[in-house]
Amino acid sequence: MPTPKKGPRLGGSPSHQRKILSNLAAQLIEHGAIKTTDAKAKTLRPFVEKMITKAKSGTLHDRRQVMRHIPNKKVVNYLFEDLAEKFENRPGGYTRIVKLENRTGDNAPMSQISLVLEETVSAEATRATRAAASKKAAEQAAAEEAAPEATEATENAEATEAEVNEEAVEESEAQNKAAEAEEKAADK
């Protein structure tokens, strides 16, 4: 038999604590962030993170395991279909607890527990490298498409240069012949 939790439970009995955690988890998944007491937030964190880890694998067995703890089909469907994709690149640490001011009335310490939906730095880095690689590939493809046009243009340019050079050589030969004819004429 498992050793029971030491100290007081949330709500007094084990069944009441399970119901409290189930409802808190459903509200957290549905709304993205909730305000609750520190004790409930600290107890809720590992509970929700295990549910998100199961949702990331997405198998039918995991879905049934989560439904056993959170018996709300809409919330479980949202967890498996939408949130699991957002946490795909995150290896853990799906929730964040932020301390708030004490509650008025009974001065209970309050916290806000929320889902961390921002991408990790490594995920952003891999996305940036993929974007850079795709940009580089696009530039190379554009360069390859422009290369045949450029080679045709250079061939055309070379052909015109060759024609211009031939004309220049012919002109210079004609000038040389004319100069030689003038020298012969001047010598006679």
Protein backbone atom coordinates (compact mmCIF):
# COMPACT_ATOMS: atom_id res chain seq x y z
CA MET A 1 0.00 0.00 0.00
CA PRO A 2 1.38 3.45 -0.89
CA THR A 3 2.43 5.67 1.94
CA PRO A 4 -0.14 8.45 2.44
CA LYS A 5 0.88 12.06 2.06
CA LYS A 6 2.34 13.59 5.18
CA GLY A 7 0.57 16.55 6.69
CA PRO A 8 -2.82 18.01 5.94
CA ARG A 9 -4.51 17.41 2.60
CA LEU A 10 -6.32 19.93 0.48
CA GLY A 11 -9.98 19.74 1.44
CA GLY A 12 -9.44 17.31 4.30
CA SER A 13 -9.87 13.90 2.64
CA PRO A 14 -8.02 12.15 -0.19
CA SER A 15 -11.08 12.01 -2.43
CA HIS A 16 -11.77 15.71 -1.90
CA GLN A 17 -8.14 16.54 -2.73
CA ARG A 18 -8.39 14.55 -5.98
CA LYS A 19 -11.54 16.46 -6.93
CA ILE A 20 -9.95 19.81 -6.09
CA LEU A 21 -6.88 18.99 -8.22
CA SER A 22 -9.08 17.75 -11.05
CA ASN A 23 -11.12 20.95 -11.10
CA LEU A 24 -8.08 23.20 -10.75
CA ALA A 25 -6.31 21.37 -13.59
CA ALA A 26 -9.37 21.63 -15.85
CA GLN A 27 -9.62 25.38 -15.19
CA LEU A 28 -5.89 25.89 -15.74
CA ILE A 29 -5.95 24.04 -19.06
CA GLU A 30 -9.11 25.84 -20.18
CA HIS A 31 -8.10 29.38 -19.19
CA GLY A 32 -4.28 29.21 -19.33
CA ALA A 33 -3.83 30.82 -15.91
CA ILE A 34 -5.64 30.78 -12.55
CA LYS A 35 -5.22 32.47 -9.20
CA THR A 36 -5.19 30.18 -6.17
CA THR A 37 -3.42 29.70 -2.85
CA ASP A 38 0.28 28.82 -2.75
CA ALA A 39 -0.39 25.35 -1.34
CA LYS A 40 -2.87 24.48 -4.07
CA ALA A 41 -0.61 25.89 -6.81
CA LYS A 42 2.39 23.90 -5.56
CA THR A 43 0.31 20.72 -5.42
CA LEU A 44 -1.29 21.38 -8.81
CA ARG A 45 1.98 21.96 -10.69
CA PRO A 46 3.30 18.35 -10.88
CA PHE A 47 -0.23 17.05 -11.45
CA VAL A 48 -0.77 19.23 -14.53
CA GLU A 49 2.73 18.69 -15.88
CA LYS A 50 2.18 14.92 -15.86
CA MET A 51 -1.06 15.41 -17.77
CA ILE A 52 0.68 17.60 -20.38
CA THR A 53 3.47 15.04 -20.78
CA LYS A 54 0.86 12.36 -21.46
CA ALA A 55 -0.88 14.66 -23.93
CA LYS A 56 2.36 15.16 -25.86
CA SER A 57 2.57 11.43 -26.65
CA GLY A 58 -1.08 11.52 -27.75
CA THR A 59 -1.90 7.81 -27.57
CA LEU A 60 -5.36 6.49 -26.79
CA HIS A 61 -4.11 4.96 -23.56
CA ASP A 62 -2.71 8.30 -22.42
CA ARG A 63 -5.96 10.03 -23.32
CA ARG A 64 -7.86 7.55 -21.18
CA GLN A 65 -5.40 8.00 -18.31
CA VAL A 66 -5.92 11.77 -18.43
CA MET A 67 -9.70 11.33 -18.65
CA ARG A 68 -9.50 9.29 -15.46
CA HIS A 69 -8.04 12.30 -13.64
CA ILE A 70 -9.82 15.12 -15.50
CA PRO A 71 -13.31 13.90 -16.49
CA ASN A 72 -14.08 16.83 -18.80
CA LYS A 73 -14.03 15.77 -22.47
CA LYS A 74 -13.79 19.29 -23.89
CA VAL A 75 -10.80 20.15 -21.72
CA VAL A 76 -9.03 16.86 -22.45
CA ASN A 77 -9.66 17.26 -26.18
CA TYR A 78 -8.28 20.81 -26.07
CA LEU A 79 -5.25 19.53 -24.14
CA PHE A 80 -4.49 16.76 -26.63
CA GLU A 81 -5.36 18.60 -29.85
CA ASP A 82 -4.15 22.17 -29.25
CA LEU A 83 -1.90 22.48 -26.21
CA ALA A 84 0.19 19.38 -26.94
CA GLU A 85 1.39 20.97 -30.20
CA LYS A 86 2.43 24.14 -28.38
CA PHE A 87 4.50 22.14 -25.88
CA GLU A 88 6.06 19.87 -28.50
CA ASN A 89 9.55 21.44 -28.35
CA ARG A 90 9.54 21.98 -24.58
CA PRO A 91 11.10 19.12 -22.57
CA GLY A 92 9.37 20.09 -19.32
CA GLY A 93 8.49 23.06 -17.14
CA TYR A 94 5.07 23.62 -18.67
CA THR A 95 3.78 25.76 -15.79
CA ARG A 96 4.91 28.89 -13.99
CA ILE A 97 3.98 29.98 -10.47
CA VAL A 98 4.06 33.70 -9.70
CA LYS A 99 3.56 34.90 -6.12
CA LEU A 100 0.85 37.52 -5.60
CA GLU A 101 -0.25 39.64 -2.67
CA ASN A 102 -1.96 37.93 0.25
CA ARG A 103 -5.71 37.54 0.00
CA THR A 104 -7.80 40.10 1.85
CA GLY A 105 -9.97 38.59 4.53
CA ASP A 106 -7.87 35.66 5.71
CA ASN A 107 -4.41 36.89 4.57
CA ALA A 108 -3.75 33.60 2.73
CA PRO A 109 -0.67 33.63 0.47
CA MET A 110 -1.86 33.71 -3.16
CA SER A 111 -0.19 32.69 -6.41
CA GLN A 112 -0.96 32.68 -10.08
CA ILE A 113 -0.19 29.44 -11.86
CA SER A 114 -0.08 29.69 -15.63
CA LEU A 115 0.92 27.64 -18.65
CA VAL A 116 4.20 28.64 -20.27
CA LEU A 117 3.25 28.96 -23.93
CA GLU A 118 6.37 30.82 -25.08
CA GLU A 119 8.79 28.80 -27.16
CA THR A 120 12.09 27.79 -25.65
CA VAL A 121 15.30 29.48 -26.76
CA SER A 122 16.54 26.30 -28.43
CA ALA A 123 13.28 25.95 -30.36
CA GLU A 124 13.56 29.54 -31.55
CA ALA A 125 17.19 28.93 -32.50
CA THR A 126 16.32 25.84 -34.53
CA ARG A 127 13.50 27.75 -36.20
CA ALA A 128 15.93 30.58 -37.01
CA THR A 129 18.47 28.15 -38.48
CA ARG A 130 15.73 26.48 -40.54
CA ALA A 131 14.62 29.89 -41.79
CA ALA A 132 18.20 30.84 -42.66
CA ALA A 133 18.73 27.52 -44.43
CA SER A 134 15.54 27.90 -46.45
CA LYS A 135 16.49 31.47 -47.33
CA LYS A 136 19.93 30.31 -48.46
CA ALA A 137 18.38 27.49 -50.51
CA ALA A 138 16.00 29.98 -52.14
CA GLU A 139 18.92 32.27 -52.99
CA GLN A 140 20.86 29.35 -54.50
CA ALA A 141 17.82 28.29 -56.53
CA ALA A 142 17.40 31.84 -57.77
CA ALA A 143 21.12 31.98 -58.59
CA GLU A 144 20.87 28.69 -60.51
CA GLU A 145 17.87 29.98 -62.45
CA ALA A 146 19.72 33.19 -63.16
CA ALA A 147 22.92 31.31 -64.05
CA PRO A 148 21.68 29.99 -67.44
CA GLU A 149 20.39 33.45 -68.25
CA ALA A 150 23.69 34.91 -67.11
CA THR A 151 25.69 32.42 -69.18
CA GLU A 152 23.57 33.25 -72.22
CA ALA A 153 24.09 36.92 -71.53
CA THR A 154 27.84 36.44 -71.13
CA GLU A 155 27.97 34.35 -74.30
CA ASN A 156 26.11 37.10 -76.14
CA ALA A 157 28.41 39.70 -74.62
CA GLU A 158 31.48 37.66 -75.57
CA ALA A 159 30.17 37.25 -79.12
CA THR A 160 29.62 40.98 -79.48
CA GLU A 161 33.04 41.67 -78.00
CA ALA A 162 34.60 39.24 -80.48
CA GLU A 163 32.82 40.99 -83.36
CA VAL A 164 33.94 44.37 -82.08
CA ASN A 165 37.50 43.05 -81.70
CA GLU A 166 37.49 41.64 -85.27
CA GLU A 167 36.23 44.95 -86.60
CA ALA A 168 38.89 46.80 -84.60
CA VAL A 169 41.61 44.47 -85.95
CA GLU A 170 40.38 44.93 -89.51
CA GLU A 171 40.34 48.70 -89.06
CA SER A 172 43.85 48.71 -87.59
CA GLU A 173 45.09 46.51 -90.47
CA ALA A 174 43.49 48.88 -92.95
CA GLN A 175 45.12 51.83 -91.21
CA ASN A 176 48.49 50.04 -91.24
CA LYS A 177 48.17 49.33 -94.97
CA ALA A 178 47.21 52.93 -95.60
CA ALA A 179 50.19 54.14 -93.55
CA GLU A 180 52.54 51.79 -95.46
CA ALA A 181 51.11 53.00 -98.77
CA GLU A 182 51.72 56.62 -97.73
CA GLU A 183 55.30 55.80 -96.70
CA LYS A 184 55.96 54.10 -100.04
CA ALA A 185 54.44 57.03 -101.83
CA ALA A 186 56.53 59.44 -99.78
CA ASP A 187 59.70 57.41 -100.50
CA LYS A 188 59.19 57.53 -104.27
